[in-house]
Amino acid sequence: MKDLLLMRAPLKYIQGEGALEYFYENCKDFGKRFLFICSHSGYEQTKDLIEKSFGGSKTYRRYEVFGGISSVGEIEKMRKIVKEDKINVVVGVGGGSAIDTAKATAYYEGKRIAIIPTVCATDAPCTGLSVIYNDDHSFNSYLFYPNNPDFVLVDSRVIANAPAKFLIAGMGDALGTYFEARACYKTHSLSLENGGITLSSMALCKLCFETLLKDGAKALEAVENHLVTPQLDSIIEANTYLSGVGADNGGLCVSHSFYNGVTSLNKKTAMHGNCVAYGTLVQLLLEDASVEEYNQVRDFMVSVGLPITLKEIGCDENDVHQIAVASCAKGESIHNLSGDVRVKELEDAILLQNKLGEKYLKEHNL
């Protein structure tokens, strides 16, 4: 579909304080038998509110706390439950891994899918894909779906009460959205949904970046104090909807390939969004972006606690070659960059960013 413009998004998106009260009202036509695939914290935070939304309805609800990662084995486990319990609606409750597990389960079993993010750590809720891992936690593949989720509901109070590190990671994931889409647009690369990139998607991606710059620091302050504010709602929308729909329809480039390279290390590293943010600085170096643009992105990252050195993402210079090799593997989105990227080029850019980051932190006593 390279010559055809394509735009996709969730069928319905609802966001705001107290939104969970309206969960069942907005998906009651999907079916009568619900499976909630939850993270442990997601279950604790939302179960009572979700149940309250069902009132006296004659529905079947089963809650399953999943194993912590959207792995092949975990998806198979949930598919078995769907079959055994004759489930109509699969609901993902929690962070990106719970959501990706739910989306994959619903897709394979042909069921409706609803999403209730309880953290703002990734743009997974609105995308038409899942990141699938092997059972050893290494990256397996992207699983693409014919449609985006049927329904996404975000309760701002739930996000305000979540640890701030998740909002930070979500801003890191959202930060890559505009720059990756811009790179894809320049090279006429396909979007994540295998279509031409629309002006609408580019506008959403740019708005995502502008919103981060405007409200990111204030939203972080709000979450650190468990407050629901207009700035927090703006960043929730940026992290969840603008980034999700933007990335889906705009495409990926260096930032996300860098993250996939980091996962190949099979060791504990920073969260997805933190790695994507570091990868965004690497992409700007590869593109030879202006000093002003690079500094703007770096300064934003520092202001909200995103990493600008390898140490901050749990890596060191000895890891760089393996990261670069995995990042440049066949089929990786890094190849959407103009002129493509060779392994040695990427290694040097990763190392340069690390040196620049170390120097910046030292000069500013951070």
Protein backbone atom coordinates (compact mmCIF):
# COMPACT_ATOMS: atom_id res chain seq x y z
CA MET A 1 0.00 0.00 0.00
CA LYS A 2 3.00 2.29 -0.39
CA ASP A 3 1.22 4.57 -2.85
CA LEU A 4 -1.94 4.79 -0.74
CA LEU A 5 -2.24 7.12 2.22
CA LEU A 6 -3.51 5.37 5.34
CA MET A 7 -4.84 6.61 8.69
CA ARG A 8 -5.92 4.39 11.60
CA ALA A 9 -6.90 4.96 15.23
CA PRO A 10 -8.91 3.33 18.05
CA LEU A 11 -12.66 3.28 17.48
CA LYS A 12 -13.23 5.18 20.74
CA TYR A 13 -10.93 6.98 23.16
CA ILE A 14 -12.07 8.33 26.54
CA GLN A 15 -9.87 10.13 29.05
CA GLY A 16 -10.40 12.03 32.29
CA GLU A 17 -10.74 11.83 36.04
CA GLY A 18 -13.35 9.24 37.00
CA ALA A 19 -13.50 7.74 33.51
CA LEU A 20 -13.55 4.18 34.90
CA GLU A 21 -17.11 4.75 36.06
CA TYR A 22 -18.11 4.65 32.39
CA PHE A 23 -16.21 1.55 31.30
CA TYR A 24 -19.10 -0.89 30.90
CA GLU A 25 -21.43 1.76 29.50
CA ASN A 26 -19.04 2.22 26.58
CA CYS A 27 -18.46 -1.42 25.72
CA LYS A 28 -21.68 -3.13 26.76
CA ASP A 29 -22.46 -3.95 23.13
CA PHE A 30 -19.23 -5.93 22.74
CA GLY A 31 -20.49 -9.01 24.58
CA LYS A 32 -21.40 -10.45 27.96
CA ARG A 33 -18.29 -12.42 28.93
CA PHE A 34 -15.16 -10.42 29.83
CA LEU A 35 -11.58 -11.47 30.48
CA PHE A 36 -9.43 -8.82 32.16
CA ILE A 37 -5.70 -9.44 31.64
CA CYS A 38 -4.13 -7.34 34.38
CA SER A 39 -0.78 -6.38 35.75
CA HIS A 40 -0.60 -6.93 39.51
CA SER A 41 -0.81 -3.20 40.30
CA GLY A 42 -3.40 -2.65 37.58
CA TYR A 43 -5.67 -5.23 39.20
CA GLU A 44 -5.34 -3.65 42.62
CA GLN A 45 -5.92 -0.11 41.35
CA THR A 46 -8.90 -0.68 39.10
CA LYS A 47 -10.83 -3.85 39.93
CA ASP A 48 -13.31 -2.26 42.34
CA LEU A 49 -13.94 0.70 40.02
CA ILE A 50 -14.38 -1.57 37.01
CA GLU A 51 -16.81 -3.77 38.93
CA LYS A 52 -18.77 -0.68 39.99
CA SER A 53 -19.20 0.28 36.34
CA PHE A 54 -20.95 -3.03 35.64
CA GLY A 55 -23.61 -2.36 38.30
CA GLY A 56 -26.27 -5.05 38.22
CA SER A 57 -25.53 -6.19 34.67
CA LYS A 58 -25.78 -9.88 33.93
CA THR A 59 -22.25 -10.36 32.73
CA TYR A 60 -19.37 -12.76 33.39
CA ARG A 61 -16.05 -11.22 34.45
CA ARG A 62 -12.79 -13.04 34.98
CA TYR A 63 -9.63 -11.27 36.16
CA GLU A 64 -6.22 -12.78 35.45
CA VAL A 65 -2.94 -11.32 36.69
CA PHE A 66 -0.49 -12.07 33.89
CA GLY A 67 3.17 -13.06 34.14
CA GLY A 68 4.75 -9.66 33.57
CA ILE A 69 5.80 -9.72 29.91
CA SER A 70 3.99 -10.09 26.58
CA SER A 71 5.70 -13.37 25.78
CA VAL A 72 4.72 -16.19 23.48
CA GLY A 73 3.98 -18.46 26.45
CA GLU A 74 1.87 -15.88 28.28
CA ILE A 75 -0.28 -15.24 25.22
CA GLU A 76 -0.89 -18.97 24.79
CA LYS A 77 -1.99 -19.20 28.43
CA MET A 78 -4.54 -16.41 27.97
CA ARG A 79 -5.84 -17.85 24.70
CA LYS A 80 -6.63 -21.07 26.51
CA ILE A 81 -8.70 -19.15 29.08
CA VAL A 82 -10.63 -17.36 26.33
CA LYS A 83 -11.57 -20.71 24.78
CA GLU A 84 -12.45 -22.42 28.06
CA ASP A 85 -14.55 -19.54 29.40
CA LYS A 86 -16.18 -18.63 26.08
CA ILE A 87 -14.98 -15.03 26.41
CA ASN A 88 -16.41 -12.31 24.11
CA VAL A 89 -14.31 -9.33 25.22
CA VAL A 90 -10.64 -9.21 26.19
CA VAL A 91 -9.55 -6.23 28.28
CA GLY A 92 -5.94 -5.24 28.90
CA VAL A 93 -5.42 -3.53 32.26
CA GLY A 94 -2.00 -2.18 33.23
CA GLY A 95 1.13 -1.16 31.37
CA GLY A 96 2.42 -1.94 27.90
CA SER A 97 3.09 -5.64 28.44
CA ALA A 98 -0.36 -6.40 29.84
CA ILE A 99 -1.90 -4.40 27.01
CA ASP A 100 0.17 -6.12 24.32
CA THR A 101 -0.70 -9.53 25.78
CA ALA A 102 -4.41 -8.67 25.71
CA LYS A 103 -4.27 -7.36 22.14
CA ALA A 104 -2.50 -10.48 20.91
CA THR A 105 -4.93 -12.75 22.75
CA ALA A 106 -7.97 -10.97 21.32
CA TYR A 107 -6.52 -11.00 17.81
CA TYR A 108 -5.72 -14.71 17.74
CA GLU A 109 -9.10 -15.62 19.19
CA GLY A 110 -11.13 -13.15 17.11
CA LYS A 111 -12.55 -11.22 20.08
CA ARG A 112 -13.28 -7.54 20.81
CA ILE A 113 -10.49 -5.68 22.62
CA ALA A 114 -10.70 -2.88 25.21
CA ILE A 115 -7.74 -1.21 26.89
CA ILE A 116 -7.43 0.36 30.36
CA PRO A 117 -3.88 1.70 30.84
CA THR A 118 -2.99 2.25 34.49
CA VAL A 119 0.37 3.83 33.75
CA CYS A 120 1.44 6.22 31.01
CA ALA A 121 4.71 4.46 30.20
CA THR A 122 4.25 3.65 26.49
CA ASP A 123 1.94 4.44 23.58
CA ALA A 124 0.80 0.79 23.40
CA PRO A 125 -2.88 1.44 24.28
CA CYS A 126 -3.81 3.03 20.94
CA THR A 127 -1.54 1.20 18.50
CA GLY A 128 -2.52 -1.58 16.13
CA LEU A 129 0.42 -3.77 17.08
CA SER A 130 2.06 -5.61 19.96
CA VAL A 131 5.69 -6.04 20.86
CA ILE A 132 6.16 -9.77 21.44
CA TYR A 133 9.03 -11.20 23.47
CA ASN A 134 10.46 -14.65 23.83
CA ASP A 135 9.97 -16.34 27.18
CA ASP A 136 13.56 -15.39 28.11
CA HIS A 137 12.52 -11.70 27.73
CA SER A 138 14.50 -11.13 24.50
CA PHE A 139 12.75 -9.36 21.61
CA ASN A 140 10.81 -11.68 19.31
CA SER A 141 8.80 -9.60 16.84
CA TYR A 142 6.20 -6.94 16.19
CA LEU A 143 2.72 -8.41 15.74
CA PHE A 144 0.56 -6.24 13.49
CA TYR A 145 -3.24 -6.25 13.59
CA PRO A 146 -5.87 -5.43 10.95
CA ASN A 147 -7.47 -2.91 13.32
CA ASN A 148 -6.60 -0.72 16.28
CA PRO A 149 -8.27 -1.38 19.66
CA ASP A 150 -12.04 -1.07 19.85
CA PHE A 151 -11.99 1.04 22.99
CA VAL A 152 -9.34 2.81 25.07
CA LEU A 153 -10.20 4.33 28.45
CA VAL A 154 -7.72 6.29 30.58
CA ASP A 155 -8.65 7.44 34.08
CA SER A 156 -6.46 10.44 34.90
CA ARG A 157 -6.73 9.82 38.66
CA VAL A 158 -5.26 6.35 38.22
CA ILE A 159 -2.34 7.80 36.25
CA ALA A 160 -1.81 10.54 38.86
CA ASN A 161 -1.47 7.89 41.56
CA ALA A 162 1.04 5.76 39.64
CA PRO A 163 4.81 6.07 40.23
CA ALA A 164 6.32 9.02 38.38
CA LYS A 165 8.89 6.80 36.64
CA PHE A 166 6.15 5.51 34.34
CA LEU A 167 5.13 8.97 33.17
CA ILE A 168 8.80 9.77 32.54
CA ALA A 169 9.23 6.64 30.44
CA GLY A 170 6.05 7.46 28.54
CA MET A 171 7.39 10.88 27.68
CA GLY A 172 10.57 9.19 26.44
CA ASP A 173 8.56 6.90 24.18
CA ALA A 174 6.47 9.84 22.96
CA LEU A 175 9.59 11.93 22.36
CA GLY A 176 10.70 9.67 19.51
CA THR A 177 7.34 9.90 17.73
CA TYR A 178 7.86 13.11 15.76
CA PHE A 179 11.50 12.55 14.86
CA GLU A 180 10.97 8.97 13.72
CA ALA A 181 7.92 9.91 11.67
CA ARG A 182 9.75 12.88 10.16
CA ALA A 183 12.59 10.59 9.06
CA CYS A 184 10.12 8.13 7.50
CA TYR A 185 8.25 10.92 5.73
CA LYS A 186 11.49 12.21 4.19
CA THR A 187 12.38 8.81 2.75
CA HIS A 188 8.81 7.93 1.71
CA SER A 189 8.98 4.91 3.99
CA LEU A 190 5.85 3.03 4.99
CA SER A 191 4.07 3.70 8.24
CA LEU A 192 3.81 0.99 10.87
CA GLU A 193 0.48 0.11 9.31
CA ASN A 194 2.13 -0.43 5.91
CA GLY A 195 0.65 2.61 4.23
CA GLY A 196 1.66 6.04 3.03
CA ILE A 197 2.15 8.69 5.73
CA THR A 198 -0.62 11.29 5.90
CA LEU A 199 -0.39 14.98 6.71
CA SER A 200 -2.79 14.24 9.58
CA SER A 201 -0.38 11.81 11.19
CA MET A 202 2.53 14.22 10.84
CA ALA A 203 0.43 16.94 12.49
CA LEU A 204 -0.34 14.63 15.42
CA CYS A 205 3.33 13.70 15.75
CA LYS A 206 4.42 17.33 15.80
CA LEU A 207 1.71 18.22 18.31
CA CYS A 208 2.93 15.36 20.48
CA PHE A 209 6.44 16.86 20.62
CA GLU A 210 5.17 20.38 21.20
CA THR A 211 2.95 19.17 24.05
CA LEU A 212 5.87 17.43 25.73
CA LEU A 213 7.93 20.61 25.63
CA LYS A 214 5.07 22.75 26.93
CA ASP A 215 3.65 20.57 29.71
CA GLY A 216 6.09 17.73 30.43
CA ALA A 217 7.86 19.18 33.47
CA LYS A 218 4.62 20.43 35.04
CA ALA A 219 2.89 17.09 34.46
CA LEU A 220 5.77 15.31 36.17
CA GLU A 221 5.43 17.62 39.16
CA ALA A 222 1.70 16.86 39.25
CA VAL A 223 2.25 13.09 39.28
CA GLU A 224 4.94 13.36 41.94
CA ASN A 225 2.28 15.01 44.11
CA HIS A 226 -0.63 12.81 42.92
CA LEU A 227 -2.50 15.74 41.39
CA VAL A 228 -4.79 15.76 38.36
CA THR A 229 -4.11 18.95 36.43
CA PRO A 230 -4.64 20.24 32.86
CA GLN A 231 -0.91 19.74 32.25
CA LEU A 232 -1.11 16.09 33.34
CA ASP A 233 -4.11 15.48 31.10
CA SER A 234 -2.18 17.01 28.20
CA ILE A 235 0.75 14.66 28.74
CA ILE A 236 -1.52 11.65 29.22
CA GLU A 237 -3.02 12.44 25.81
CA ALA A 238 0.43 13.01 24.28
CA ASN A 239 1.89 9.79 25.68
CA THR A 240 -1.15 7.67 24.91
CA TYR A 241 -3.12 9.00 21.95
CA LEU A 242 -0.88 11.43 20.05
CA SER A 243 2.15 9.17 20.29
CA GLY A 244 0.21 5.96 19.68
CA VAL A 245 -1.77 7.12 16.67
CA GLY A 246 1.19 9.18 15.47
CA ALA A 247 3.64 6.28 15.59
CA ASP A 248 1.14 3.89 14.04
CA ASN A 249 0.58 6.15 11.07
CA GLY A 250 3.97 7.87 10.97
CA GLY A 251 6.45 5.04 11.34
CA LEU A 252 9.54 4.19 13.37
CA CYS A 253 13.23 4.76 12.77
CA VAL A 254 16.43 4.77 14.86
CA SER A 255 14.90 5.35 18.31
CA HIS A 256 12.97 2.09 18.45
CA SER A 257 15.63 0.04 16.69
CA PHE A 258 18.06 1.20 19.37
CA TYR A 259 15.67 -0.08 22.04
CA ASN A 260 15.40 -3.45 20.29
CA GLY A 261 19.18 -3.57 20.22
CA VAL A 262 19.30 -2.97 23.97
CA THR A 263 16.91 -5.88 24.59
CA SER A 264 19.36 -8.21 22.82
CA LEU A 265 21.72 -7.82 25.79
CA ASN A 266 19.42 -9.99 27.92
CA LYS A 267 20.21 -8.02 31.05
CA LYS A 268 18.31 -5.59 33.22
CA THR A 269 18.22 -2.19 31.56
CA ALA A 270 16.07 0.96 31.68
CA MET A 271 12.42 1.01 30.69
CA HIS A 272 11.36 1.03 27.03
CA GLY A 273 10.70 4.75 26.85
CA ASN A 274 13.98 5.68 28.49
CA CYS A 275 15.89 3.72 25.87
CA VAL A 276 13.80 5.19 23.06
CA ALA A 277 14.63 8.69 24.31
CA TYR A 278 18.37 7.95 24.28
CA GLY A 279 17.91 6.49 20.79
CA THR A 280 16.27 9.74 19.70
CA LEU A 281 19.41 11.69 20.56
CA VAL A 282 21.42 9.08 18.65
CA GLN A 283 19.13 9.56 15.64
CA LEU A 284 19.59 13.34 15.77
CA LEU A 285 23.36 12.85 15.71
CA LEU A 286 23.11 10.50 12.73
CA GLU A 287 20.94 13.04 10.92
CA ASP A 288 23.36 15.85 11.80
CA ALA A 289 20.45 17.82 13.23
CA SER A 290 20.98 21.45 14.09
CA VAL A 291 22.67 22.32 17.38
CA GLU A 292 19.50 24.15 18.41
CA GLU A 293 17.25 21.14 17.84
CA TYR A 294 19.64 18.70 19.52
CA ASN A 295 19.98 20.99 22.55
CA GLN A 296 16.22 21.47 22.77
CA VAL A 297 15.62 17.72 22.90
CA ARG A 298 18.48 17.06 25.32
CA ASP A 299 17.44 19.87 27.66
CA PHE A 300 13.87 18.58 27.74
CA MET A 301 15.11 15.10 28.56
CA VAL A 302 17.25 16.35 31.42
CA SER A 303 14.36 18.44 32.76
CA VAL A 304 12.14 15.37 33.18
CA GLY A 305 14.79 12.86 34.19
CA LEU A 306 15.29 10.99 30.92
CA PRO A 307 18.74 9.42 30.30
CA ILE A 308 21.44 11.01 28.17
CA THR A 309 24.24 8.50 29.00
CA LEU A 310 24.62 4.75 28.61
CA LYS A 311 25.07 4.31 32.35
CA GLU A 312 21.62 5.77 32.94
CA ILE A 313 20.02 3.06 30.79
CA GLY A 314 21.99 0.26 32.42
CA CYS A 315 24.57 -0.19 29.66
CA ASP A 316 28.23 0.60 29.11
CA GLU A 317 30.57 1.02 26.17
CA ASN A 318 31.30 -2.73 26.06
CA ASP A 319 27.64 -3.30 25.11
CA VAL A 320 27.61 -0.91 22.17
CA HIS A 321 28.75 -3.28 19.42
CA GLN A 322 26.08 -5.85 20.24
CA ILE A 323 23.41 -3.14 20.49
CA ALA A 324 24.44 -1.76 17.10
CA VAL A 325 24.47 -5.16 15.40
CA ALA A 326 21.00 -6.03 16.71
CA SER A 327 19.67 -2.55 15.92
CA CYS A 328 20.83 -2.84 12.29
CA ALA A 329 19.42 -6.33 11.72
CA LYS A 330 17.44 -6.94 8.55
CA GLY A 331 13.91 -5.58 8.85
CA GLU A 332 14.69 -3.12 11.63
CA SER A 333 13.13 0.34 11.35
CA ILE A 334 16.57 2.01 11.49
CA HIS A 335 16.80 1.40 7.75
CA ASN A 336 14.10 4.03 7.21
CA LEU A 337 16.69 6.73 7.86
CA SER A 338 17.91 8.61 4.81
CA GLY A 339 21.10 7.02 3.53
CA ASP A 340 20.57 4.00 5.79
CA VAL A 341 22.85 3.25 8.77
CA ARG A 342 25.77 0.84 8.96
CA VAL A 343 26.73 -0.90 12.20
CA LYS A 344 29.93 1.10 12.65
CA GLU A 345 28.09 4.38 12.05
CA LEU A 346 25.55 3.51 14.72
CA GLU A 347 28.25 2.40 17.16
CA ASP A 348 30.02 5.74 16.78
CA ALA A 349 26.80 7.72 17.22
CA ILE A 350 25.88 5.79 20.37
CA LEU A 351 29.35 6.35 21.81
CA LEU A 352 29.35 10.02 20.82
CA GLN A 353 26.04 10.57 22.58
CA ASN A 354 27.42 8.88 25.68
CA LYS A 355 30.47 11.17 25.71
CA LEU A 356 28.33 14.26 25.09
CA GLY A 357 25.96 13.20 27.85
CA GLU A 358 28.74 12.55 30.35
CA LYS A 359 30.28 15.92 29.57
CA TYR A 360 26.95 17.71 29.95
CA LEU A 361 26.19 16.09 33.32
CA LYS A 362 29.66 16.89 34.59
CA GLU A 363 29.52 20.51 33.48
CA HIS A 364 26.14 20.99 35.12
CA ASN A 365 26.98 19.02 38.29
CA LEU A 366 24.14 16.56 37.65
